[in-house]
Amino acid sequence: MSDWLTWQVVDSALPTGAFAHSNGLEAAWQQGEVGDFHALQAFLRDAVQQTGYAALPLVNEAYRAPERLESLDATADVFLVNTVANRASRVQGRTLVATAGRVWPAPALAALQQRAAATCAHLAPLSGVVFRTIGLSLPTVQQVVLYAAARGVLSAAVRLGITGSYEAQRLQSACGPWLDRVAVRCADLCADDLAQTAPLLDLLQAGHDRLYSRLFQS
């Protein structure tokens, strides 16, 4: 595996569709739950931990056993009871596998696209299989997933005007040790370990469709 590949995967220029989602931040902000820097920091930590316990177990298992993609996708669909989060996961999953097929054309990815077309195509299990197929190691995949969650929240915060670019980058840097801790705690989790660690964030995100005006899809 080349480090260049890792940098390409985490680069925001890779069109995976994440840019269109705020991971519930927009709904939380409009409902007055994220009004300052400290509230944003708390939201970010909760979102990262939620990713560790609600996404990495499926990422891990799909990476280790790609032949179980269909059953893991069904598990993800049952687990994501929040309609907004469920829909966003499907959209981003389909975008990820389609993008990978175009950027790294190969028979394995073409076959994976066909398999995904017959499922809900949820993001977490597809991430495990897609990143394994293009050659990333599992520890790197775990870091990519957690980093993307943090970057997604902070990117949305800047576009919503909650914080500025420099302040967001300082928070991104300060988040490093927290990302490391979550990565270590969740490195060996499997589908049986799926957990909802931030139910309030989930409830806030579920209200996204009822917002009067929206900048993001979720």
N, C-alpha and C. Protein backbone atom coordinates (compact mmCIF):
# COMPACT_ATOMS: atom_id res chain seq x y z
N MET A 1 0.84 -1.20 0.00
CA MET A 1 0.00 0.00 0.00
C MET A 1 0.87 1.25 0.00
N SER A 2 0.51 2.21 -0.82
CA SER A 2 1.25 3.46 -0.90
C SER A 2 0.59 4.52 -0.03
N ASP A 3 1.41 5.33 0.64
CA ASP A 3 0.87 6.46 1.41
C ASP A 3 0.12 7.43 0.51
N TRP A 4 0.53 7.50 -0.76
CA TRP A 4 -0.16 8.40 -1.68
C TRP A 4 -1.63 8.03 -1.80
N LEU A 5 -1.91 6.73 -1.77
CA LEU A 5 -3.29 6.27 -1.87
C LEU A 5 -4.10 6.74 -0.67
N THR A 6 -3.52 6.64 0.50
CA THR A 6 -4.21 7.08 1.72
C THR A 6 -4.53 8.56 1.64
N TRP A 7 -3.57 9.36 1.22
CA TRP A 7 -3.79 10.81 1.11
C TRP A 7 -4.88 11.12 0.09
N GLN A 8 -4.91 10.34 -0.99
CA GLN A 8 -5.94 10.57 -2.00
C GLN A 8 -7.33 10.27 -1.43
N VAL A 9 -7.43 9.20 -0.66
CA VAL A 9 -8.72 8.80 -0.11
C VAL A 9 -9.26 9.83 0.88
N VAL A 10 -8.39 10.44 1.68
CA VAL A 10 -8.85 11.41 2.68
C VAL A 10 -8.95 12.83 2.11
N ASP A 11 -8.49 13.02 0.89
CA ASP A 11 -8.56 14.35 0.27
C ASP A 11 -10.02 14.69 -0.03
N SER A 12 -10.43 15.90 0.33
CA SER A 12 -11.80 16.31 0.08
C SER A 12 -12.11 16.42 -1.41
N ALA A 13 -11.08 16.40 -2.25
CA ALA A 13 -11.30 16.46 -3.70
C ALA A 13 -11.87 15.16 -4.24
N LEU A 14 -11.75 14.05 -3.49
CA LEU A 14 -12.31 12.79 -3.94
C LEU A 14 -13.83 12.87 -3.80
N PRO A 15 -14.57 12.77 -4.88
CA PRO A 15 -16.03 13.00 -4.84
C PRO A 15 -16.82 11.84 -4.25
N THR A 16 -16.87 11.78 -2.94
CA THR A 16 -17.60 10.70 -2.26
C THR A 16 -18.98 11.13 -1.79
N GLY A 17 -19.32 12.40 -1.96
CA GLY A 17 -20.64 12.87 -1.57
C GLY A 17 -20.75 13.36 -0.14
N ALA A 18 -19.69 13.20 0.66
CA ALA A 18 -19.75 13.59 2.07
C ALA A 18 -19.96 15.09 2.24
N PHE A 19 -19.53 15.88 1.25
CA PHE A 19 -19.61 17.33 1.34
C PHE A 19 -21.05 17.82 1.47
N ALA A 20 -22.00 17.00 1.04
CA ALA A 20 -23.41 17.40 1.06
C ALA A 20 -24.11 17.07 2.37
N HIS A 21 -23.36 16.54 3.34
CA HIS A 21 -23.98 16.10 4.60
C HIS A 21 -23.30 16.77 5.79
N SER A 22 -24.11 17.08 6.81
CA SER A 22 -23.57 17.72 8.02
C SER A 22 -23.56 16.78 9.21
N ASN A 23 -23.99 15.52 9.01
CA ASN A 23 -24.04 14.54 10.10
C ASN A 23 -24.89 15.01 11.27
N GLY A 24 -25.94 15.72 10.97
CA GLY A 24 -26.85 16.19 12.01
C GLY A 24 -26.52 17.54 12.60
N LEU A 25 -25.39 18.11 12.23
CA LEU A 25 -24.98 19.39 12.81
C LEU A 25 -25.94 20.52 12.43
N GLU A 26 -26.41 20.54 11.19
CA GLU A 26 -27.30 21.62 10.77
C GLU A 26 -28.59 21.63 11.60
N ALA A 27 -29.17 20.47 11.84
CA ALA A 27 -30.39 20.40 12.64
C ALA A 27 -30.11 20.80 14.08
N ALA A 28 -28.98 20.33 14.63
CA ALA A 28 -28.62 20.69 16.00
C ALA A 28 -28.40 22.19 16.14
N TRP A 29 -27.76 22.79 15.14
CA TRP A 29 -27.49 24.23 15.17
C TRP A 29 -28.79 25.02 15.08
N GLN A 30 -29.67 24.65 14.15
CA GLN A 30 -30.92 25.40 14.00
C GLN A 30 -31.83 25.25 15.22
N GLN A 31 -31.68 24.16 15.94
CA GLN A 31 -32.50 23.96 17.13
C GLN A 31 -31.84 24.51 18.40
N GLY A 32 -30.74 25.23 18.22
CA GLY A 32 -30.11 25.93 19.33
C GLY A 32 -29.24 25.08 20.23
N GLU A 33 -28.90 23.86 19.79
CA GLU A 33 -28.09 22.98 20.63
C GLU A 33 -26.59 23.19 20.43
N VAL A 34 -26.20 23.83 19.34
CA VAL A 34 -24.78 24.12 19.07
C VAL A 34 -24.67 25.61 18.78
N GLY A 35 -24.40 26.38 19.82
CA GLY A 35 -24.40 27.82 19.66
C GLY A 35 -23.05 28.49 19.83
N ASP A 36 -22.05 27.74 20.30
CA ASP A 36 -20.73 28.34 20.50
C ASP A 36 -19.64 27.29 20.29
N PHE A 37 -18.40 27.73 20.49
CA PHE A 37 -17.25 26.85 20.24
C PHE A 37 -17.28 25.61 21.12
N HIS A 38 -17.60 25.78 22.40
CA HIS A 38 -17.58 24.64 23.33
C HIS A 38 -18.67 23.63 22.98
N ALA A 39 -19.84 24.12 22.54
CA ALA A 39 -20.91 23.21 22.14
C ALA A 39 -20.51 22.46 20.87
N LEU A 40 -19.83 23.15 19.96
CA LEU A 40 -19.35 22.50 18.74
C LEU A 40 -18.33 21.42 19.08
N GLN A 41 -17.44 21.73 20.00
CA GLN A 41 -16.42 20.76 20.41
C GLN A 41 -17.08 19.51 21.00
N ALA A 42 -18.10 19.70 21.83
CA ALA A 42 -18.81 18.57 22.43
C ALA A 42 -19.52 17.75 21.35
N PHE A 43 -20.15 18.45 20.39
CA PHE A 43 -20.83 17.76 19.30
C PHE A 43 -19.83 16.93 18.49
N LEU A 44 -18.67 17.52 18.21
CA LEU A 44 -17.64 16.83 17.44
C LEU A 44 -17.19 15.55 18.15
N ARG A 45 -16.94 15.64 19.44
CA ARG A 45 -16.49 14.46 20.18
C ARG A 45 -17.56 13.37 20.19
N ASP A 46 -18.81 13.78 20.37
CA ASP A 46 -19.90 12.81 20.36
C ASP A 46 -20.03 12.15 18.99
N ALA A 47 -19.86 12.95 17.93
CA ALA A 47 -19.97 12.41 16.57
C ALA A 47 -18.86 11.42 16.27
N VAL A 48 -17.65 11.72 16.72
CA VAL A 48 -16.52 10.81 16.50
C VAL A 48 -16.74 9.50 17.26
N GLN A 49 -17.16 9.60 18.51
CA GLN A 49 -17.39 8.39 19.30
C GLN A 49 -18.52 7.56 18.70
N GLN A 50 -19.56 8.26 18.24
CA GLN A 50 -20.68 7.56 17.60
C GLN A 50 -20.20 6.80 16.36
N THR A 51 -19.32 7.42 15.60
CA THR A 51 -18.77 6.75 14.41
C THR A 51 -17.98 5.51 14.82
N GLY A 52 -17.23 5.63 15.91
CA GLY A 52 -16.42 4.51 16.37
C GLY A 52 -17.26 3.30 16.75
N TYR A 53 -18.38 3.53 17.42
CA TYR A 53 -19.17 2.42 17.92
C TYR A 53 -20.34 2.03 17.02
N ALA A 54 -20.75 2.91 16.12
CA ALA A 54 -21.90 2.62 15.27
C ALA A 54 -21.54 2.39 13.81
N ALA A 55 -20.31 2.69 13.42
CA ALA A 55 -19.88 2.46 12.03
C ALA A 55 -18.70 1.51 11.94
N LEU A 56 -17.67 1.72 12.78
CA LEU A 56 -16.47 0.88 12.68
C LEU A 56 -16.74 -0.61 12.87
N PRO A 57 -17.68 -1.03 13.73
CA PRO A 57 -17.93 -2.47 13.81
C PRO A 57 -18.32 -3.08 12.47
N LEU A 58 -19.12 -2.37 11.69
CA LEU A 58 -19.51 -2.87 10.37
C LEU A 58 -18.38 -2.73 9.36
N VAL A 59 -17.63 -1.64 9.46
CA VAL A 59 -16.45 -1.47 8.60
C VAL A 59 -15.46 -2.61 8.83
N ASN A 60 -15.18 -2.88 10.10
CA ASN A 60 -14.21 -3.92 10.47
C ASN A 60 -14.63 -5.28 9.93
N GLU A 61 -15.88 -5.65 10.19
CA GLU A 61 -16.33 -6.99 9.80
C GLU A 61 -16.42 -7.14 8.29
N ALA A 62 -16.86 -6.08 7.60
CA ALA A 62 -16.92 -6.16 6.14
C ALA A 62 -15.53 -6.26 5.54
N TYR A 63 -14.56 -5.57 6.14
CA TYR A 63 -13.19 -5.65 5.66
C TYR A 63 -12.64 -7.06 5.84
N ARG A 64 -12.90 -7.65 7.00
CA ARG A 64 -12.36 -8.98 7.29
C ARG A 64 -13.10 -10.09 6.55
N ALA A 65 -14.38 -9.87 6.27
CA ALA A 65 -15.18 -10.90 5.60
C ALA A 65 -16.04 -10.27 4.52
N PRO A 66 -15.45 -9.85 3.40
CA PRO A 66 -16.21 -9.15 2.36
C PRO A 66 -17.35 -9.99 1.78
N GLU A 67 -17.25 -11.31 1.91
CA GLU A 67 -18.33 -12.16 1.41
C GLU A 67 -19.62 -11.99 2.22
N ARG A 68 -19.53 -11.32 3.38
CA ARG A 68 -20.70 -11.10 4.22
C ARG A 68 -21.33 -9.72 3.99
N LEU A 69 -20.96 -9.06 2.92
CA LEU A 69 -21.44 -7.70 2.67
C LEU A 69 -22.96 -7.60 2.75
N GLU A 70 -23.66 -8.52 2.10
CA GLU A 70 -25.13 -8.43 2.05
C GLU A 70 -25.75 -8.53 3.44
N SER A 71 -25.28 -9.45 4.26
CA SER A 71 -25.86 -9.59 5.61
C SER A 71 -25.49 -8.40 6.49
N LEU A 72 -24.29 -7.88 6.33
CA LEU A 72 -23.88 -6.72 7.12
C LEU A 72 -24.64 -5.48 6.68
N ASP A 73 -24.94 -5.38 5.39
CA ASP A 73 -25.75 -4.28 4.90
C ASP A 73 -27.15 -4.33 5.51
N ALA A 74 -27.71 -5.53 5.61
CA ALA A 74 -29.03 -5.69 6.23
C ALA A 74 -28.99 -5.30 7.70
N THR A 75 -27.90 -5.64 8.38
CA THR A 75 -27.74 -5.25 9.78
C THR A 75 -27.70 -3.73 9.91
N ALA A 76 -26.96 -3.08 9.03
CA ALA A 76 -26.88 -1.62 9.04
C ALA A 76 -28.25 -1.00 8.83
N ASP A 77 -29.03 -1.58 7.94
CA ASP A 77 -30.35 -1.03 7.65
C ASP A 77 -31.28 -1.12 8.86
N VAL A 78 -31.18 -2.20 9.60
CA VAL A 78 -31.99 -2.37 10.81
C VAL A 78 -31.50 -1.44 11.92
N PHE A 79 -30.19 -1.28 12.02
CA PHE A 79 -29.61 -0.47 13.08
C PHE A 79 -29.90 1.01 12.91
N LEU A 80 -29.92 1.49 11.68
CA LEU A 80 -30.13 2.92 11.40
C LEU A 80 -31.63 3.23 11.37
N VAL A 81 -32.23 3.32 12.54
CA VAL A 81 -33.67 3.56 12.64
C VAL A 81 -34.02 5.02 12.34
N ASN A 82 -33.06 5.91 12.47
CA ASN A 82 -33.26 7.32 12.12
C ASN A 82 -33.37 7.42 10.59
N THR A 83 -34.51 7.87 10.10
CA THR A 83 -34.77 7.91 8.66
C THR A 83 -33.75 8.76 7.91
N VAL A 84 -33.39 9.90 8.48
CA VAL A 84 -32.45 10.80 7.82
C VAL A 84 -31.06 10.15 7.73
N ALA A 85 -30.60 9.57 8.83
CA ALA A 85 -29.29 8.92 8.83
C ALA A 85 -29.28 7.71 7.91
N ASN A 86 -30.38 6.96 7.89
CA ASN A 86 -30.47 5.78 7.03
C ASN A 86 -30.37 6.18 5.56
N ARG A 87 -31.11 7.20 5.18
CA ARG A 87 -31.09 7.67 3.80
C ARG A 87 -29.71 8.19 3.41
N ALA A 88 -29.10 8.97 4.31
CA ALA A 88 -27.77 9.52 4.03
C ALA A 88 -26.74 8.42 3.86
N SER A 89 -26.84 7.37 4.69
CA SER A 89 -25.91 6.25 4.59
C SER A 89 -26.03 5.55 3.24
N ARG A 90 -27.25 5.40 2.76
CA ARG A 90 -27.46 4.76 1.46
C ARG A 90 -26.88 5.61 0.32
N VAL A 91 -27.17 6.90 0.37
CA VAL A 91 -26.69 7.79 -0.68
C VAL A 91 -25.16 7.81 -0.72
N GLN A 92 -24.54 7.94 0.45
CA GLN A 92 -23.08 8.02 0.49
C GLN A 92 -22.44 6.68 0.14
N GLY A 93 -23.08 5.58 0.51
CA GLY A 93 -22.54 4.27 0.16
C GLY A 93 -22.52 4.05 -1.34
N ARG A 94 -23.62 4.40 -2.00
CA ARG A 94 -23.69 4.24 -3.45
C ARG A 94 -22.69 5.17 -4.15
N THR A 95 -22.54 6.38 -3.62
CA THR A 95 -21.59 7.31 -4.21
C THR A 95 -20.17 6.81 -4.06
N LEU A 96 -19.85 6.26 -2.88
CA LEU A 96 -18.49 5.76 -2.63
C LEU A 96 -18.13 4.65 -3.61
N VAL A 97 -18.99 3.66 -3.75
CA VAL A 97 -18.65 2.52 -4.61
C VAL A 97 -18.62 2.94 -6.08
N ALA A 98 -19.48 3.87 -6.48
CA ALA A 98 -19.46 4.36 -7.86
C ALA A 98 -18.19 5.16 -8.14
N THR A 99 -17.80 5.99 -7.19
CA THR A 99 -16.58 6.79 -7.34
C THR A 99 -15.35 5.89 -7.42
N ALA A 100 -15.28 4.90 -6.52
CA ALA A 100 -14.14 3.98 -6.52
C ALA A 100 -14.04 3.25 -7.85
N GLY A 101 -15.20 2.85 -8.41
CA GLY A 101 -15.17 2.15 -9.69
C GLY A 101 -14.66 2.99 -10.83
N ARG A 102 -14.87 4.30 -10.75
CA ARG A 102 -14.39 5.20 -11.80
C ARG A 102 -12.93 5.59 -11.62
N VAL A 103 -12.53 5.78 -10.35
CA VAL A 103 -11.17 6.23 -10.08
C VAL A 103 -10.17 5.08 -10.18
N TRP A 104 -10.57 3.90 -9.69
CA TRP A 104 -9.69 2.72 -9.72
C TRP A 104 -10.39 1.60 -10.48
N PRO A 105 -10.60 1.74 -11.78
CA PRO A 105 -11.36 0.73 -12.54
C PRO A 105 -10.69 -0.64 -12.46
N ALA A 106 -11.47 -1.63 -12.05
CA ALA A 106 -10.98 -3.00 -11.91
C ALA A 106 -12.17 -3.93 -11.87
N PRO A 107 -11.99 -5.17 -12.31
CA PRO A 107 -13.10 -6.14 -12.28
C PRO A 107 -13.69 -6.33 -10.88
N ALA A 108 -12.84 -6.29 -9.87
CA ALA A 108 -13.32 -6.50 -8.51
C ALA A 108 -14.29 -5.40 -8.09
N LEU A 109 -13.97 -4.16 -8.46
CA LEU A 109 -14.85 -3.06 -8.09
C LEU A 109 -16.11 -3.04 -8.95
N ALA A 110 -16.01 -3.47 -10.20
CA ALA A 110 -17.19 -3.58 -11.04
C ALA A 110 -18.15 -4.62 -10.47
N ALA A 111 -17.60 -5.73 -10.01
CA ALA A 111 -18.42 -6.77 -9.39
C ALA A 111 -19.03 -6.27 -8.09
N LEU A 112 -18.27 -5.47 -7.35
CA LEU A 112 -18.78 -4.92 -6.09
C LEU A 112 -19.94 -3.96 -6.36
N GLN A 113 -19.85 -3.17 -7.41
CA GLN A 113 -20.95 -2.27 -7.76
C GLN A 113 -22.23 -3.05 -8.06
N GLN A 114 -22.09 -4.18 -8.73
CA GLN A 114 -23.26 -5.01 -9.02
C GLN A 114 -23.85 -5.57 -7.75
N ARG A 115 -22.99 -6.00 -6.82
CA ARG A 115 -23.49 -6.52 -5.54
C ARG A 115 -24.20 -5.41 -4.76
N ALA A 116 -23.60 -4.22 -4.75
CA ALA A 116 -24.18 -3.11 -4.00
C ALA A 116 -25.53 -2.70 -4.57
N ALA A 117 -25.70 -2.83 -5.87
CA ALA A 117 -26.95 -2.44 -6.51
C ALA A 117 -28.12 -3.29 -6.03
N ALA A 118 -27.82 -4.48 -5.52
CA ALA A 118 -28.88 -5.38 -5.04
C ALA A 118 -29.12 -5.25 -3.55
N THR A 119 -28.46 -4.28 -2.90
CA THR A 119 -28.59 -4.08 -1.46
C THR A 119 -29.01 -2.64 -1.18
N CYS A 120 -29.11 -2.31 0.11
CA CYS A 120 -29.35 -0.91 0.50
C CYS A 120 -28.12 -0.05 0.28
N ALA A 121 -26.96 -0.69 0.18
CA ALA A 121 -25.68 -0.01 -0.08
C ALA A 121 -25.31 0.96 1.03
N HIS A 122 -25.40 0.53 2.27
CA HIS A 122 -25.05 1.41 3.38
C HIS A 122 -23.55 1.67 3.42
N LEU A 123 -23.21 2.86 3.89
CA LEU A 123 -21.84 3.36 3.81
C LEU A 123 -20.84 2.53 4.61
N ALA A 124 -21.16 2.18 5.84
CA ALA A 124 -20.17 1.52 6.70
C ALA A 124 -19.68 0.18 6.14
N PRO A 125 -20.56 -0.77 5.85
CA PRO A 125 -20.04 -2.03 5.31
C PRO A 125 -19.38 -1.87 3.94
N LEU A 126 -19.93 -0.99 3.11
CA LEU A 126 -19.32 -0.78 1.80
C LEU A 126 -17.94 -0.15 1.93
N SER A 127 -17.75 0.72 2.92
CA SER A 127 -16.43 1.31 3.13
C SER A 127 -15.40 0.23 3.40
N GLY A 128 -15.76 -0.73 4.25
CA GLY A 128 -14.83 -1.81 4.56
C GLY A 128 -14.42 -2.58 3.33
N VAL A 129 -15.38 -2.92 2.47
CA VAL A 129 -15.08 -3.73 1.30
C VAL A 129 -14.37 -2.90 0.22
N VAL A 130 -14.84 -1.68 -0.01
CA VAL A 130 -14.23 -0.83 -1.04
C VAL A 130 -12.77 -0.55 -0.71
N PHE A 131 -12.51 -0.14 0.52
CA PHE A 131 -11.13 0.22 0.88
C PHE A 131 -10.22 -0.99 0.92
N ARG A 132 -10.75 -2.14 1.28
CA ARG A 132 -9.95 -3.37 1.20
C ARG A 132 -9.60 -3.66 -0.26
N THR A 133 -10.57 -3.49 -1.15
CA THR A 133 -10.38 -3.81 -2.56
C THR A 133 -9.32 -2.93 -3.21
N ILE A 134 -9.27 -1.65 -2.81
CA ILE A 134 -8.28 -0.77 -3.44
C ILE A 134 -6.91 -0.87 -2.77
N GLY A 135 -6.83 -1.60 -1.64
CA GLY A 135 -5.51 -1.90 -1.07
C GLY A 135 -5.14 -1.21 0.22
N LEU A 136 -6.09 -0.60 0.93
CA LEU A 136 -5.78 0.02 2.22
C LEU A 136 -5.77 -1.04 3.32
N SER A 137 -4.88 -0.89 4.29
CA SER A 137 -4.87 -1.79 5.44
C SER A 137 -6.03 -1.45 6.37
N LEU A 138 -6.44 -2.41 7.21
CA LEU A 138 -7.57 -2.16 8.10
C LEU A 138 -7.30 -1.03 9.09
N PRO A 139 -6.13 -0.94 9.74
CA PRO A 139 -5.90 0.20 10.63
C PRO A 139 -6.00 1.54 9.91
N THR A 140 -5.53 1.58 8.67
CA THR A 140 -5.65 2.82 7.89
C THR A 140 -7.11 3.13 7.58
N VAL A 141 -7.87 2.12 7.24
CA VAL A 141 -9.30 2.30 6.96
C VAL A 141 -10.01 2.86 8.18
N GLN A 142 -9.70 2.34 9.34
CA GLN A 142 -10.32 2.83 10.57
C GLN A 142 -10.00 4.30 10.80
N GLN A 143 -8.75 4.68 10.55
CA GLN A 143 -8.37 6.07 10.70
C GLN A 143 -9.07 6.95 9.67
N VAL A 144 -9.19 6.47 8.44
CA VAL A 144 -9.86 7.22 7.38
C VAL A 144 -11.31 7.49 7.76
N VAL A 145 -12.00 6.48 8.27
CA VAL A 145 -13.42 6.62 8.62
C VAL A 145 -13.60 7.62 9.76
N LEU A 146 -12.76 7.55 10.78
CA LEU A 146 -12.87 8.47 11.91
C LEU A 146 -12.49 9.89 11.49
N TYR A 147 -11.42 10.01 10.72
CA TYR A 147 -11.01 11.34 10.25
C TYR A 147 -12.10 11.98 9.41
N ALA A 148 -12.71 11.20 8.53
CA ALA A 148 -13.77 11.74 7.67
C ALA A 148 -14.95 12.23 8.49
N ALA A 149 -15.26 11.53 9.58
CA ALA A 149 -16.36 11.96 10.44
C ALA A 149 -16.06 13.31 11.07
N ALA A 150 -14.84 13.47 11.59
CA ALA A 150 -14.45 14.73 12.21
C ALA A 150 -14.39 15.86 11.19
N ARG A 151 -13.76 15.59 10.07
CA ARG A 151 -13.64 16.62 9.04
C ARG A 151 -15.01 17.03 8.51
N GLY A 152 -15.93 16.08 8.38
CA GLY A 152 -17.25 16.38 7.87
C GLY A 152 -18.01 17.34 8.78
N VAL A 153 -17.92 17.11 10.08
CA VAL A 153 -18.59 17.99 11.04
C VAL A 153 -17.99 19.39 10.98
N LEU A 154 -16.67 19.48 10.97
CA LEU A 154 -16.02 20.78 10.98
C LEU A 154 -16.20 21.53 9.67
N SER A 155 -16.19 20.82 8.56
CA SER A 155 -16.45 21.46 7.28
C SER A 155 -17.86 22.04 7.25
N ALA A 156 -18.81 21.29 7.76
CA ALA A 156 -20.19 21.78 7.82
C ALA A 156 -20.29 22.98 8.76
N ALA A 157 -19.57 22.95 9.86
CA ALA A 157 -19.60 24.07 10.82
C ALA A 157 -19.12 25.37 10.19
N VAL A 158 -18.09 25.27 9.35
CA VAL A 158 -17.58 26.47 8.67
C VAL A 158 -18.61 27.00 7.68
N ARG A 159 -19.21 26.11 6.90
CA ARG A 159 -20.18 26.55 5.89
C ARG A 159 -21.47 27.08 6.52
N LEU A 160 -21.79 26.60 7.72
CA LEU A 160 -22.97 27.11 8.41
C LEU A 160 -22.69 28.41 9.15
N GLY A 161 -21.41 28.78 9.26
CA GLY A 161 -21.05 30.01 9.96
C GLY A 161 -20.98 29.85 11.47
N ILE A 162 -20.91 28.60 11.93
CA ILE A 162 -20.79 28.36 13.37
C ILE A 162 -19.40 28.73 13.87
N THR A 163 -18.41 28.49 13.03
CA THR A 163 -17.03 28.80 13.38
C THR A 163 -16.29 29.21 12.12
N GLY A 164 -15.09 29.76 12.28
CA GLY A 164 -14.27 30.16 11.15
C GLY A 164 -13.32 29.05 10.73
N SER A 165 -12.68 29.25 9.59
CA SER A 165 -11.78 28.23 9.05
C SER A 165 -10.60 27.94 9.97
N TYR A 166 -9.97 29.00 10.50
CA TYR A 166 -8.80 28.80 11.35
C TYR A 166 -9.18 28.12 12.66
N GLU A 167 -10.30 28.55 13.23
CA GLU A 167 -10.74 27.94 14.48
C GLU A 167 -11.10 26.47 14.26
N ALA A 168 -11.71 26.17 13.12
CA ALA A 168 -12.05 24.78 12.81
C ALA A 168 -10.80 23.93 12.67
N GLN A 169 -9.76 24.49 12.06
CA GLN A 169 -8.51 23.74 11.92
C GLN A 169 -7.83 23.53 13.26
N ARG A 170 -7.92 24.51 14.15
CA ARG A 170 -7.36 24.31 15.50
C ARG A 170 -8.11 23.19 16.21
N LEU A 171 -9.41 23.16 16.05
CA LEU A 171 -10.20 22.10 16.68
C LEU A 171 -9.90 20.75 16.05
N GLN A 172 -9.69 20.73 14.74
CA GLN A 172 -9.31 19.49 14.06
C GLN A 172 -8.00 18.96 14.62
N SER A 173 -7.03 19.84 14.82
CA SER A 173 -5.74 19.44 15.37
C SER A 173 -5.88 18.92 16.80
N ALA A 174 -6.66 19.63 17.60
CA ALA A 174 -6.85 19.23 19.00
C ALA A 174 -7.60 17.92 19.12
N CYS A 175 -8.34 17.56 18.06
CA CYS A 175 -9.14 16.34 18.07
C CYS A 175 -8.28 15.09 17.86
N GLY A 176 -7.03 15.26 17.45
CA GLY A 176 -6.16 14.13 17.14
C GLY A 176 -6.08 13.08 18.24
N PRO A 177 -5.73 13.46 19.48
CA PRO A 177 -5.65 12.47 20.55
C PRO A 177 -6.97 11.73 20.79
N TRP A 178 -8.08 12.45 20.65
CA TRP A 178 -9.39 11.82 20.82
C TRP A 178 -9.65 10.80 19.71
N LEU A 179 -9.27 11.14 18.48
CA LEU A 179 -9.40 10.20 17.37
C LEU A 179 -8.57 8.95 17.64
N ASP A 180 -7.37 9.13 18.17
CA ASP A 180 -6.51 7.98 18.48
C ASP A 180 -7.15 7.08 19.52
N ARG A 181 -7.72 7.67 20.56
CA ARG A 181 -8.33 6.87 21.62
C ARG A 181 -9.52 6.06 21.10
N VAL A 182 -10.35 6.71 20.31
CA VAL A 182 -11.51 6.00 19.75
C VAL A 182 -11.05 4.89 18.81
N ALA A 183 -10.02 5.16 18.01
CA ALA A 183 -9.50 4.15 17.09
C ALA A 183 -9.01 2.92 17.84
N VAL A 184 -8.33 3.13 18.96
CA VAL A 184 -7.82 2.01 19.75
C VAL A 184 -8.97 1.23 20.37
N ARG A 185 -9.93 1.94 20.94
CA ARG A 185 -11.06 1.28 21.60
C ARG A 185 -11.90 0.46 20.64
N CYS A 186 -12.01 0.92 19.41
CA CYS A 186 -12.94 0.31 18.46
C CYS A 186 -12.26 -0.55 17.41
N ALA A 187 -10.96 -0.76 17.53
CA ALA A 187 -10.20 -1.45 16.50
C ALA A 187 -10.67 -2.89 16.27
N ASP A 188 -11.12 -3.55 17.32
CA ASP A 188 -11.47 -4.97 17.20
C ASP A 188 -12.97 -5.23 17.31
N LEU A 189 -13.78 -4.18 17.24
CA LEU A 189 -15.23 -4.37 17.35
C LEU A 189 -15.78 -5.05 16.11
N CYS A 190 -16.87 -5.82 16.30
CA CYS A 190 -17.53 -6.48 15.19
C CYS A 190 -19.02 -6.09 15.21
N ALA A 191 -19.79 -6.64 14.29
CA ALA A 191 -21.19 -6.25 14.17
C ALA A 191 -21.98 -6.48 15.45
N ASP A 192 -21.61 -7.47 16.23
CA ASP A 192 -22.32 -7.74 17.49
C ASP A 192 -22.09 -6.64 18.52
N ASP A 193 -21.10 -5.78 18.28
CA ASP A 193 -20.77 -4.71 19.23
C ASP A 193 -21.42 -3.38 18.86
N LEU A 194 -22.23 -3.33 17.83
CA LEU A 194 -22.86 -2.08 17.42
C LEU A 194 -23.58 -1.42 18.59
N ALA A 195 -23.38 -0.10 18.74
CA ALA A 195 -23.98 0.62 19.86
C ALA A 195 -24.30 2.05 19.46
N GLN A 196 -25.38 2.56 20.01
CA GLN A 196 -25.77 3.96 19.82
C GLN A 196 -25.26 4.74 21.04
N THR A 197 -24.20 5.51 20.85
CA THR A 197 -23.59 6.21 21.98
C THR A 197 -24.03 7.66 22.11
N ALA A 198 -24.72 8.18 21.10
CA ALA A 198 -25.13 9.58 21.12
C ALA A 198 -26.60 9.70 20.70
N PRO A 199 -27.52 9.20 21.51
CA PRO A 199 -28.94 9.21 21.11
C PRO A 199 -29.51 10.60 20.89
N LEU A 200 -29.01 11.60 21.62
CA LEU A 200 -29.51 12.96 21.42
C LEU A 200 -29.12 13.50 20.04
N LEU A 201 -27.90 13.19 19.61
CA LEU A 201 -27.49 13.60 18.26
C LEU A 201 -28.36 12.92 17.22
N ASP A 202 -28.70 11.68 17.48
CA ASP A 202 -29.54 10.93 16.56
C ASP A 202 -30.94 11.55 16.47
N LEU A 203 -31.47 11.95 17.61
CA LEU A 203 -32.79 12.59 17.63
C LEU A 203 -32.77 13.94 16.92
N LEU A 204 -31.70 14.70 17.15
CA LEU A 204 -31.60 16.00 16.48
C LEU A 204 -31.51 15.84 14.97
N GLN A 205 -30.69 14.89 14.54
CA GLN A 205 -30.55 14.67 13.10
C GLN A 205 -31.87 14.23 12.48
N ALA A 206 -32.66 13.46 13.23
CA ALA A 206 -33.94 12.98 12.70
C ALA A 206 -34.89 14.12 12.37
N GLY A 207 -34.65 15.30 12.96
CA GLY A 207 -35.49 16.46 12.67
C GLY A 207 -35.05 17.27 11.47
N HIS A 208 -34.03 16.80 10.76
CA HIS A 208 -33.47 17.57 9.65
C HIS A 208 -34.51 17.85 8.57
N ASP A 209 -35.34 16.86 8.26
CA ASP A 209 -36.32 17.04 7.18
C ASP A 209 -37.39 18.07 7.53
N ARG A 210 -37.52 18.42 8.81
CA ARG A 210 -38.55 19.37 9.23
C ARG A 210 -38.03 20.80 9.34
N LEU A 211 -36.76 21.02 9.03
CA LEU A 211 -36.20 22.36 9.08
C LEU A 211 -36.82 23.21 7.98
N TYR A 212 -37.02 24.48 8.27
CA TYR A 212 -37.65 25.38 7.30
C TYR A 212 -36.78 25.55 6.06
N SER A 213 -35.48 25.72 6.28
CA SER A 213 -34.53 25.82 5.17
C SER A 213 -33.32 24.94 5.49
N ARG A 214 -32.72 24.35 4.45
CA ARG A 214 -31.62 23.41 4.67
C ARG A 214 -30.50 23.66 3.67
N LEU A 215 -29.27 23.60 4.16
CA LEU A 215 -28.10 23.71 3.29
C LEU A 215 -27.58 22.31 2.92
N PHE A 216 -27.81 21.36 3.83
CA PHE A 216 -27.28 19.99 3.66
C PHE A 216 -28.41 18.98 3.49
N GLN A 217 -28.04 17.80 3.02
CA GLN A 217 -29.00 16.71 2.86
C GLN A 217 -29.30 16.03 4.19
N SER A 218 -28.34 16.07 5.11
CA SER A 218 -28.56 15.42 6.41
C SER A 218 -27.71 16.09 7.47
